[in-house]
Amino acid sequence: MKLLKTIRDKDLGLDFAEPSVYRERKASRALVFDKDNNIALLHAKNKSYHKLPGGGIEDGEDIIQALRREAMEEIGCEIDNIKELGIVEEYRN
């Protein structure tokens, strides 16, 4: 799958020392459109930013299963017509 972007703390204006080792956490996110072509966004109030629905992949899940579960938990709907777009790698503290 195509690498779309690599993000590091400095790309977000954060000045943290890079750790010697990063812990891998696999996650999936989705662009979810409603019937009027609105895109679902979640507001992370504690850090005041918006994000796409999705989250970590649990043991025993594949990417699609995790995405369906997270969509139900976060935006309360089932999703279909799922297509992979690419990968975003994040190296952050």
Protein backbone atom coordinates (compact mmCIF):
# COMPACT_ATOMS: atom_id res chain seq x y z
CA MET A 1 0.00 0.00 0.00
CA LYS A 2 1.17 3.54 -0.76
CA LEU A 3 2.83 5.62 1.98
CA LEU A 4 0.92 8.92 2.03
CA LYS A 5 2.75 10.78 4.80
CA THR A 6 5.22 10.44 7.66
CA ILE A 7 4.49 12.65 10.67
CA ARG A 8 6.88 13.49 13.51
CA ASP A 9 6.43 15.69 16.59
CA LYS A 10 8.32 18.56 14.95
CA ASP A 11 5.81 18.53 12.06
CA LEU A 12 3.15 19.41 14.62
CA GLY A 13 5.18 22.19 16.20
CA LEU A 14 6.09 20.03 19.22
CA ASP A 15 9.60 20.12 20.63
CA PHE A 16 10.14 16.70 22.22
CA ALA A 17 13.37 14.73 22.24
CA GLU A 18 13.10 11.66 20.04
CA PRO A 19 13.08 8.42 22.05
CA SER A 20 15.68 5.79 21.31
CA VAL A 21 12.91 3.30 20.49
CA TYR A 22 9.35 3.83 19.30
CA ARG A 23 6.51 1.48 20.30
CA GLU A 24 4.48 0.30 17.31
CA ARG A 25 0.73 0.79 17.52
CA LYS A 26 -1.29 -0.20 14.48
CA ALA A 27 -4.51 1.68 13.87
CA SER A 28 -7.04 2.32 11.15
CA ARG A 29 -8.95 5.50 10.33
CA ALA A 30 -11.70 6.21 7.85
CA LEU A 31 -13.16 8.92 5.68
CA VAL A 32 -16.85 8.28 6.35
CA PHE A 33 -19.37 10.07 4.13
CA ASP A 34 -23.09 10.37 4.85
CA LYS A 35 -25.81 10.53 2.18
CA ASP A 36 -25.17 14.29 1.76
CA ASN A 37 -21.40 13.77 1.35
CA ASN A 38 -20.58 15.24 4.77
CA ILE A 39 -17.44 13.73 6.34
CA ALA A 40 -17.52 12.46 9.94
CA LEU A 41 -15.00 14.18 12.23
CA LEU A 42 -14.42 13.74 15.96
CA HIS A 43 -13.37 16.61 18.23
CA ALA A 44 -10.65 15.72 20.74
CA LYS A 45 -11.58 18.29 23.38
CA ASN A 46 -8.63 17.73 25.71
CA LYS A 47 -6.13 18.75 23.02
CA SER A 48 -8.48 20.78 20.81
CA TYR A 49 -8.11 19.10 17.45
CA HIS A 50 -10.28 17.08 15.06
CA LYS A 51 -9.64 13.58 13.79
CA LEU A 52 -11.16 10.95 11.56
CA PRO A 53 -13.04 8.05 13.16
CA GLY A 54 -10.95 5.00 13.90
CA GLY A 55 -8.39 3.74 16.35
CA GLY A 56 -6.17 0.92 17.47
CA ILE A 57 -6.34 -2.58 16.07
CA GLU A 58 -6.96 -5.12 18.84
CA ASP A 59 -5.46 -8.62 19.03
CA GLY A 60 -7.27 -10.98 16.66
CA GLU A 61 -8.68 -8.17 14.49
CA ASP A 62 -7.71 -7.24 10.98
CA ILE A 63 -7.76 -3.63 9.74
CA ILE A 64 -11.32 -3.81 8.40
CA GLN A 65 -12.75 -5.43 11.54
CA ALA A 66 -11.09 -2.75 13.69
CA LEU A 67 -12.39 0.00 11.44
CA ARG A 68 -15.97 -1.31 11.59
CA ARG A 69 -15.80 -1.63 15.39
CA GLU A 70 -14.34 1.85 15.86
CA ALA A 71 -16.91 3.43 13.54
CA MET A 72 -19.73 1.87 15.55
CA GLU A 73 -18.16 3.00 18.86
CA GLU A 74 -17.29 6.53 17.77
CA ILE A 75 -19.94 7.61 15.28
CA GLY A 76 -22.64 5.01 15.91
CA CYS A 77 -22.99 3.59 12.43
CA GLU A 78 -22.09 0.61 10.32
CA ILE A 79 -19.80 1.30 7.40
CA ASP A 80 -19.55 -0.38 4.02
CA ASN A 81 -17.94 0.22 0.63
CA ILE A 82 -14.53 0.22 2.33
CA LYS A 83 -11.47 0.96 0.17
CA GLU A 84 -7.87 1.30 1.29
CA LEU A 85 -6.29 4.68 0.54
CA GLY A 86 -2.80 4.40 1.98
CA ILE A 87 -0.60 4.49 5.06
CA VAL A 88 0.32 7.36 7.36
CA GLU A 89 3.26 6.66 9.66
CA GLU A 90 3.47 8.66 12.89
CA TYR A 91 6.61 8.83 15.01
CA ARG A 92 5.49 10.72 18.09
CA ASN A 93 6.03 10.84 21.84
